[in-house]
Amino acid sequence: MKTIFVMVKCELGQSYRVADEAIQGLEPVSEIHSISGQYDLLMKCYLPDDTDIGHFVCEHIQTLPGVRDTFTLIAFKAFG
């Protein structure tokens, strides 16, 4: 299992709708946090080892209506 964090910038006024659609419609998305700063949402995703990260982000997250931009971080190890 691979863990990634995807920061998502949304169109104005669309953050809650994007979060709702992602958490209900995308099984790998386990948590979504509203955040401050350049991005609006932080999504924590668990992907099967054979899943291509780029394809998942491009085809499933970036295509959600209201998503404007993404920034993806790959986690190597969880502590505690």
PDB file of N, CA and C in Angstrom:
ATOM      1  N   MET A   1       0.849  -1.174   0.000  1.00  0.00           N
ATOM      2  CA  MET A   1       0.000   0.000   0.000  1.00  0.00           C
ATOM      3  C   MET A   1       0.898   1.241   0.000  1.00  0.00           C
ATOM      4  N   LYS A   2       0.577   2.196  -0.876  1.00  0.00           N
ATOM      5  CA  LYS A   2       1.311   3.456  -0.958  1.00  0.00           C
ATOM      6  C   LYS A   2       0.444   4.568  -0.386  1.00  0.00           C
ATOM      7  N   THR A   3       1.064   5.481   0.363  1.00  0.00           N
ATOM      8  CA  THR A   3       0.345   6.627   0.904  1.00  0.00           C
ATOM      9  C   THR A   3       0.800   7.869   0.177  1.00  0.00           C
ATOM     10  N   ILE A   4      -0.172   8.646  -0.297  1.00  0.00           N
ATOM     11  CA  ILE A   4       0.136   9.939  -0.893  1.00  0.00           C
ATOM     12  C   ILE A   4      -0.747  11.008  -0.261  1.00  0.00           C
ATOM     13  N   PHE A   5      -0.258  12.223  -0.278  1.00  0.00           N
ATOM     14  CA  PHE A   5      -1.029  13.380   0.146  1.00  0.00           C
ATOM     15  C   PHE A   5      -1.164  14.284  -1.068  1.00  0.00           C
ATOM     16  N   VAL A   6      -2.377  14.697  -1.366  1.00  0.00           N
ATOM     17  CA  VAL A   6      -2.612  15.565  -2.510  1.00  0.00           C
ATOM     18  C   VAL A   6      -3.210  16.868  -2.004  1.00  0.00           C
ATOM     19  N   MET A   7      -2.479  17.964  -2.228  1.00  0.00           N
ATOM     20  CA  MET A   7      -3.013  19.277  -1.912  1.00  0.00           C
ATOM     21  C   MET A   7      -3.789  19.751  -3.130  1.00  0.00           C
ATOM     22  N   VAL A   8      -4.989  20.255  -2.898  1.00  0.00           N
ATOM     23  CA  VAL A   8      -5.896  20.611  -3.983  1.00  0.00           C
ATOM     24  C   VAL A   8      -6.294  22.079  -3.872  1.00  0.00           C
ATOM     25  N   LYS A   9      -6.138  22.809  -4.968  1.00  0.00           N
ATOM     26  CA  LYS A   9      -6.631  24.180  -5.072  1.00  0.00           C
ATOM     27  C   LYS A   9      -7.946  24.105  -5.834  1.00  0.00           C
ATOM     28  N   CYS A  10      -8.988  24.712  -5.273  1.00  0.00           N
ATOM     29  CA  CYS A  10     -10.313  24.643  -5.868  1.00  0.00           C
ATOM     30  C   CYS A  10     -10.729  25.989  -6.457  1.00  0.00           C
ATOM     31  N   GLU A  11     -11.699  25.932  -7.358  1.00  0.00           N
ATOM     32  CA  GLU A  11     -12.339  27.151  -7.835  1.00  0.00           C
ATOM     33  C   GLU A  11     -13.012  27.812  -6.631  1.00  0.00           C
ATOM     34  N   LEU A  12     -13.146  29.125  -6.679  1.00  0.00           N
ATOM     35  CA  LEU A  12     -13.743  29.847  -5.558  1.00  0.00           C
ATOM     36  C   LEU A  12     -15.114  29.282  -5.208  1.00  0.00           C
ATOM     37  N   GLY A  13     -15.315  29.024  -3.929  1.00  0.00           N
ATOM     38  CA  GLY A  13     -16.589  28.533  -3.425  1.00  0.00           C
ATOM     39  C   GLY A  13     -16.853  27.052  -3.654  1.00  0.00           C
ATOM     40  N   GLN A  14     -15.872  26.293  -4.128  1.00  0.00           N
ATOM     41  CA  GLN A  14     -16.107  24.894  -4.483  1.00  0.00           C
ATOM     42  C   GLN A  14     -15.459  23.881  -3.531  1.00  0.00           C
ATOM     43  N   SER A  15     -14.740  24.337  -2.523  1.00  0.00           N
ATOM     44  CA  SER A  15     -13.972  23.422  -1.666  1.00  0.00           C
ATOM     45  C   SER A  15     -14.823  22.351  -1.004  1.00  0.00           C
ATOM     46  N   TYR A  16     -15.948  22.726  -0.441  1.00  0.00           N
ATOM     47  CA  TYR A  16     -16.772  21.757   0.277  1.00  0.00           C
ATOM     48  C   TYR A  16     -17.381  20.743  -0.683  1.00  0.00           C
ATOM     49  N   ARG A  17     -17.786  21.184  -1.865  1.00  0.00           N
ATOM     50  CA  ARG A  17     -18.350  20.280  -2.848  1.00  0.00           C
ATOM     51  C   ARG A  17     -17.298  19.305  -3.372  1.00  0.00           C
ATOM     52  N   VAL A  18     -16.087  19.812  -3.624  1.00  0.00           N
ATOM     53  CA  VAL A  18     -14.991  18.949  -4.077  1.00  0.00           C
ATOM     54  C   VAL A  18     -14.672  17.905  -3.002  1.00  0.00           C
ATOM     55  N   ALA A  19     -14.572  18.348  -1.758  1.00  0.00           N
ATOM     56  CA  ALA A  19     -14.268  17.423  -0.659  1.00  0.00           C
ATOM     57  C   ALA A  19     -15.339  16.353  -0.528  1.00  0.00           C
ATOM     58  N   ASP A  20     -16.590  16.754  -0.601  1.00  0.00           N
ATOM     59  CA  ASP A  20     -17.696  15.808  -0.468  1.00  0.00           C
ATOM     60  C   ASP A  20     -17.673  14.776  -1.589  1.00  0.00           C
ATOM     61  N   GLU A  21     -17.469  15.225  -2.812  1.00  0.00           N
ATOM     62  CA  GLU A  21     -17.448  14.299  -3.949  1.00  0.00           C
ATOM     63  C   GLU A  21     -16.260  13.344  -3.864  1.00  0.00           C
ATOM     64  N   ALA A  22     -15.096  13.845  -3.441  1.00  0.00           N
ATOM     65  CA  ALA A  22     -13.901  13.001  -3.355  1.00  0.00           C
ATOM     66  C   ALA A  22     -14.039  11.946  -2.268  1.00  0.00           C
ATOM     67  N   ILE A  23     -14.528  12.337  -1.104  1.00  0.00           N
ATOM     68  CA  ILE A  23     -14.593  11.391   0.020  1.00  0.00           C
ATOM     69  C   ILE A  23     -15.670  10.324  -0.237  1.00  0.00           C
ATOM     70  N   GLN A  24     -16.714  10.684  -0.957  1.00  0.00           N
ATOM     71  CA  GLN A  24     -17.780   9.718  -1.239  1.00  0.00           C
ATOM     72  C   GLN A  24     -17.507   8.873  -2.484  1.00  0.00           C
ATOM     73  N   GLY A  25     -16.791   9.446  -3.463  1.00  0.00           N
ATOM     74  CA  GLY A  25     -16.663   8.769  -4.735  1.00  0.00           C
ATOM     75  C   GLY A  25     -15.321   8.124  -5.037  1.00  0.00           C
ATOM     76  N   LEU A  26     -14.301   8.438  -4.246  1.00  0.00           N
ATOM     77  CA  LEU A  26     -12.970   7.893  -4.518  1.00  0.00           C
ATOM     78  C   LEU A  26     -12.518   7.036  -3.343  1.00  0.00           C
ATOM     79  N   GLU A  27     -12.563   5.730  -3.509  1.00  0.00           N
ATOM     80  CA  GLU A  27     -12.242   4.799  -2.424  1.00  0.00           C
ATOM     81  C   GLU A  27     -10.853   5.012  -1.820  1.00  0.00           C
ATOM     82  N   PRO A  28      -9.807   5.299  -2.616  1.00  0.00           N
ATOM     83  CA  PRO A  28      -8.475   5.478  -2.015  1.00  0.00           C
ATOM     84  C   PRO A  28      -8.353   6.703  -1.102  1.00  0.00           C
ATOM     85  N   VAL A  29      -9.287   7.660  -1.202  1.00  0.00           N
ATOM     86  CA  VAL A  29      -9.221   8.860  -0.361  1.00  0.00           C
ATOM     87  C   VAL A  29      -9.747   8.505   1.021  1.00  0.00           C
ATOM     88  N   SER A  30      -8.861   8.603   2.038  1.00  0.00           N
ATOM     89  CA  SER A  30      -9.270   8.219   3.390  1.00  0.00           C
ATOM     90  C   SER A  30      -9.614   9.411   4.269  1.00  0.00           C
ATOM     91  N   GLU A  31      -8.967  10.538   4.043  1.00  0.00           N
ATOM     92  CA  GLU A  31      -9.222  11.750   4.845  1.00  0.00           C
ATOM     93  C   GLU A  31      -9.079  12.967   3.956  1.00  0.00           C
ATOM     94  N   ILE A  32      -9.854  13.993   4.276  1.00  0.00           N
ATOM     95  CA  ILE A  32      -9.699  15.284   3.605  1.00  0.00           C
ATOM     96  C   ILE A  32      -9.763  16.362   4.672  1.00  0.00           C
ATOM     97  N   HIS A  33      -8.782  17.256   4.644  1.00  0.00           N
ATOM     98  CA  HIS A  33      -8.730  18.361   5.588  1.00  0.00           C
ATOM     99  C   HIS A  33      -8.806  19.677   4.833  1.00  0.00           C
ATOM    100  N   SER A  34      -9.556  20.614   5.359  1.00  0.00           N
ATOM    101  CA  SER A  34      -9.548  21.978   4.858  1.00  0.00           C
ATOM    102  C   SER A  34      -8.308  22.643   5.442  1.00  0.00           C
ATOM    103  N   ILE A  35      -7.517  23.299   4.596  1.00  0.00           N
ATOM    104  CA  ILE A  35      -6.257  23.879   5.062  1.00  0.00           C
ATOM    105  C   ILE A  35      -6.150  25.341   4.641  1.00  0.00           C
ATOM    106  N   SER A  36      -5.234  26.040   5.289  1.00  0.00           N
ATOM    107  CA  SER A  36      -4.974  27.427   4.915  1.00  0.00           C
ATOM    108  C   SER A  36      -3.757  27.477   4.007  1.00  0.00           C
ATOM    109  N   GLY A  37      -3.582  28.584   3.338  1.00  0.00           N
ATOM    110  CA  GLY A  37      -2.420  28.756   2.484  1.00  0.00           C
ATOM    111  C   GLY A  37      -2.781  28.710   1.017  1.00  0.00           C
ATOM    112  N   GLN A  38      -1.832  28.308   0.205  1.00  0.00           N
ATOM    113  CA  GLN A  38      -1.982  28.315  -1.246  1.00  0.00           C
ATOM    114  C   GLN A  38      -3.018  27.308  -1.742  1.00  0.00           C
ATOM    115  N   TYR A  39      -3.214  26.219  -1.001  1.00  0.00           N
ATOM    116  CA  TYR A  39      -4.161  25.180  -1.391  1.00  0.00           C
ATOM    117  C   TYR A  39      -5.323  25.164  -0.409  1.00  0.00           C
ATOM    118  N   ASP A  40      -6.438  24.583  -0.831  1.00  0.00           N
ATOM    119  CA  ASP A  40      -7.664  24.587  -0.034  1.00  0.00           C
ATOM    120  C   ASP A  40      -7.900  23.288   0.721  1.00  0.00           C
ATOM    121  N   LEU A  41      -7.494  22.168   0.133  1.00  0.00           N
ATOM    122  CA  LEU A  41      -7.756  20.858   0.712  1.00  0.00           C
ATOM    123  C   LEU A  41      -6.486  20.018   0.740  1.00  0.00           C
ATOM    124  N   LEU A  42      -6.401  19.143   1.734  1.00  0.00           N
ATOM    125  CA  LEU A  42      -5.327  18.151   1.815  1.00  0.00           C
ATOM    126  C   LEU A  42      -5.992  16.782   1.873  1.00  0.00           C
ATOM    127  N   MET A  43      -5.736  15.968   0.848  1.00  0.00           N
ATOM    128  CA  MET A  43      -6.324  14.632   0.770  1.00  0.00           C
ATOM    129  C   MET A  43      -5.271  13.582   1.082  1.00  0.00           C
ATOM    130  N   LYS A  44      -5.609  12.670   1.971  1.00  0.00           N
ATOM    131  CA  LYS A  44      -4.744  11.538   2.270  1.00  0.00           C
ATOM    132  C   LYS A  44      -5.311  10.330   1.544  1.00  0.00           C
ATOM    133  N   CYS A  45      -4.476   9.693   0.732  1.00  0.00           N
ATOM    134  CA  CYS A  45      -4.933   8.578  -0.093  1.00  0.00           C
ATOM    135  C   CYS A  45      -4.048   7.363   0.128  1.00  0.00           C
ATOM    136  N   TYR A  46      -4.666   6.187   0.181  1.00  0.00           N
ATOM    137  CA  TYR A  46      -3.951   4.920   0.249  1.00  0.00           C
ATOM    138  C   TYR A  46      -4.180   4.195  -1.075  1.00  0.00           C
ATOM    139  N   LEU A  47      -3.105   4.006  -1.830  1.00  0.00           N
ATOM    140  CA  LEU A  47      -3.200   3.363  -3.136  1.00  0.00           C
ATOM    141  C   LEU A  47      -2.585   1.971  -3.090  1.00  0.00           C
ATOM    142  N   PRO A  48      -3.194   0.999  -3.759  1.00  0.00           N
ATOM    143  CA  PRO A  48      -2.557  -0.313  -3.880  1.00  0.00           C
ATOM    144  C   PRO A  48      -1.186  -0.165  -4.550  1.00  0.00           C
ATOM    145  N   ASP A  49      -0.265  -1.052  -4.215  1.00  0.00           N
ATOM    146  CA  ASP A  49       1.105  -0.960  -4.734  1.00  0.00           C
ATOM    147  C   ASP A  49       1.177  -0.939  -6.254  1.00  0.00           C
ATOM    148  N   ASP A  50       0.230  -1.572  -6.921  1.00  0.00           N
ATOM    149  CA  ASP A  50       0.282  -1.620  -8.381  1.00  0.00           C
ATOM    150  C   ASP A  50      -0.409  -0.430  -9.065  1.00  0.00           C
ATOM    151  N   THR A  51      -0.918   0.515  -8.279  1.00  0.00           N
ATOM    152  CA  THR A  51      -1.583   1.696  -8.840  1.00  0.00           C
ATOM    153  C   THR A  51      -0.557   2.745  -9.224  1.00  0.00           C
ATOM    154  N   ASP A  52      -0.682   3.292 -10.420  1.00  0.00           N
ATOM    155  CA  ASP A  52       0.180   4.373 -10.875  1.00  0.00           C
ATOM    156  C   ASP A  52      -0.310   5.685 -10.255  1.00  0.00           C
ATOM    157  N   ILE A  53       0.536   6.329  -9.479  1.00  0.00           N
ATOM    158  CA  ILE A  53       0.165   7.548  -8.761  1.00  0.00           C
ATOM    159  C   ILE A  53      -0.251   8.650  -9.728  1.00  0.00           C
ATOM    160  N   GLY A  54       0.531   8.836 -10.775  1.00  0.00           N
ATOM    161  CA  GLY A  54       0.222   9.883 -11.749  1.00  0.00           C
ATOM    162  C   GLY A  54      -1.134   9.706 -12.398  1.00  0.00           C
ATOM    163  N   HIS A  55      -1.435   8.471 -12.778  1.00  0.00           N
ATOM    164  CA  HIS A  55      -2.738   8.210 -13.395  1.00  0.00           C
ATOM    165  C   HIS A  55      -3.862   8.450 -12.400  1.00  0.00           C
ATOM    166  N   PHE A  56      -3.690   8.015 -11.151  1.00  0.00           N
ATOM    167  CA  PHE A  56      -4.740   8.228 -10.146  1.00  0.00           C
ATOM    168  C   PHE A  56      -5.018   9.706  -9.959  1.00  0.00           C
ATOM    169  N   VAL A  57      -3.960  10.499  -9.769  1.00  0.00           N
ATOM    170  CA  VAL A  57      -4.142  11.936  -9.539  1.00  0.00           C
ATOM    171  C   VAL A  57      -4.745  12.601 -10.772  1.00  0.00           C
ATOM    172  N   CYS A  58      -4.181  12.337 -11.938  1.00  0.00           N
ATOM    173  CA  CYS A  58      -4.642  12.982 -13.180  1.00  0.00           C
ATOM    174  C   CYS A  58      -6.061  12.572 -13.574  1.00  0.00           C
ATOM    175  N   GLU A  59      -6.378  11.299 -13.423  1.00  0.00           N
ATOM    176  CA  GLU A  59      -7.658  10.794 -13.917  1.00  0.00           C
ATOM    177  C   GLU A  59      -8.795  10.860 -12.901  1.00  0.00           C
ATOM    178  N   HIS A  60      -8.461  10.901 -11.610  1.00  0.00           N
ATOM    179  CA  HIS A  60      -9.525  10.852 -10.606  1.00  0.00           C
ATOM    180  C   HIS A  60      -9.641  12.132  -9.778  1.00  0.00           C
ATOM    181  N   ILE A  61      -8.529  12.710  -9.378  1.00  0.00           N
ATOM    182  CA  ILE A  61      -8.603  13.919  -8.545  1.00  0.00           C
ATOM    183  C   ILE A  61      -8.674  15.179  -9.407  1.00  0.00           C
ATOM    184  N   GLN A  62      -7.776  15.306 -10.378  1.00  0.00           N
ATOM    185  CA  GLN A  62      -7.757  16.519 -11.198  1.00  0.00           C
ATOM    186  C   GLN A  62      -9.006  16.686 -12.051  1.00  0.00           C
ATOM    187  N   THR A  63      -9.730  15.613 -12.306  1.00  0.00           N
ATOM    188  CA  THR A  63     -10.942  15.705 -13.123  1.00  0.00           C
ATOM    189  C   THR A  63     -12.207  15.978 -12.313  1.00  0.00           C
ATOM    190  N   LEU A  64     -12.095  16.052 -10.980  1.00  0.00           N
ATOM    191  CA  LEU A  64     -13.267  16.404 -10.175  1.00  0.00           C
ATOM    192  C   LEU A  64     -13.694  17.836 -10.526  1.00  0.00           C
ATOM    193  N   PRO A  65     -14.985  18.055 -10.752  1.00  0.00           N
ATOM    194  CA  PRO A  65     -15.445  19.413 -11.040  1.00  0.00           C
ATOM    195  C   PRO A  65     -15.090  20.364  -9.894  1.00  0.00           C
ATOM    196  N   GLY A  66     -14.499  21.498 -10.223  1.00  0.00           N
ATOM    197  CA  GLY A  66     -14.121  22.487  -9.216  1.00  0.00           C
ATOM    198  C   GLY A  66     -12.666  22.443  -8.823  1.00  0.00           C
ATOM    199  N   VAL A  67     -11.916  21.430  -9.273  1.00  0.00           N
ATOM    200  CA  VAL A  67     -10.488  21.345  -8.967  1.00  0.00           C
ATOM    201  C   VAL A  67      -9.722  22.198  -9.976  1.00  0.00           C
ATOM    202  N   ARG A  68      -8.859  23.039  -9.446  1.00  0.00           N
ATOM    203  CA  ARG A  68      -8.082  23.954 -10.277  1.00  0.00           C
ATOM    204  C   ARG A  68      -6.622  23.545 -10.418  1.00  0.00           C
ATOM    205  N   ASP A  69      -6.045  22.977  -9.348  1.00  0.00           N
ATOM    206  CA  ASP A  69      -4.627  22.631  -9.341  1.00  0.00           C
ATOM    207  C   ASP A  69      -4.388  21.603  -8.241  1.00  0.00           C
ATOM    208  N   THR A  70      -3.329  20.810  -8.404  1.00  0.00           N
ATOM    209  CA  THR A  70      -2.955  19.844  -7.367  1.00  0.00           C
ATOM    210  C   THR A  70      -1.446  19.857  -7.166  1.00  0.00           C
ATOM    211  N   PHE A  71      -1.038  19.395  -5.995  1.00  0.00           N
ATOM    212  CA  PHE A  71       0.372  19.214  -5.648  1.00  0.00           C
ATOM    213  C   PHE A  71       0.447  17.926  -4.853  1.00  0.00           C
ATOM    214  N   THR A  72       1.204  16.946  -5.336  1.00  0.00           N
ATOM    215  CA  THR A  72       1.217  15.615  -4.737  1.00  0.00           C
ATOM    216  C   THR A  72       2.519  15.343  -3.991  1.00  0.00           C
ATOM    217  N   LEU A  73       2.385  14.777  -2.790  1.00  0.00           N
ATOM    218  CA  LEU A  73       3.519  14.354  -1.976  1.00  0.00           C
ATOM    219  C   LEU A  73       3.414  12.850  -1.762  1.00  0.00           C
ATOM    220  N   ILE A  74       4.537  12.149  -1.916  1.00  0.00           N
ATOM    221  CA  ILE A  74       4.570  10.708  -1.684  1.00  0.00           C
ATOM    222  C   ILE A  74       5.173  10.465  -0.305  1.00  0.00           C
ATOM    223  N   ALA A  75       4.467   9.710   0.538  1.00  0.00           N
ATOM    224  CA  ALA A  75       4.956   9.404   1.880  1.00  0.00           C
ATOM    225  C   ALA A  75       5.789   8.132   1.832  1.00  0.00           C
ATOM    226  N   PHE A  76       6.928   8.150   2.520  1.00  0.00           N
ATOM    227  CA  PHE A  76       7.812   6.985   2.563  1.00  0.00           C
ATOM    228  C   PHE A  76       7.538   6.103   3.778  1.00  0.00           C
ATOM    229  N   LYS A  77       7.345   6.733   4.944  1.00  0.00           N
ATOM    230  CA  LYS A  77       7.175   5.972   6.186  1.00  0.00           C
ATOM    231  C   LYS A  77       6.327   6.777   7.153  1.00  0.00           C
ATOM    232  N   ALA A  78       5.468   6.080   7.891  1.00  0.00           N
ATOM    233  CA  ALA A  78       4.674   6.723   8.937  1.00  0.00           C
ATOM    234  C   ALA A  78       5.328   6.405  10.280  1.00  0.00           C
ATOM    235  N   PHE A  79       5.424   7.396  11.128  1.00  0.00           N
ATOM    236  CA  PHE A  79       5.995   7.222  12.467  1.00  0.00           C
ATOM    237  C   PHE A  79       4.882   7.339  13.495  1.00  0.00           C
ATOM    238  N   GLY A  80       4.879   6.400  14.446  1.00  0.00           N
ATOM    239  CA  GLY A  80       3.949   6.445  15.572  1.00  0.00           C
ATOM    240  C   GLY A  80       2.565   6.368  15.168  1.00  0.00           C
TER     241      GLY A  80
END
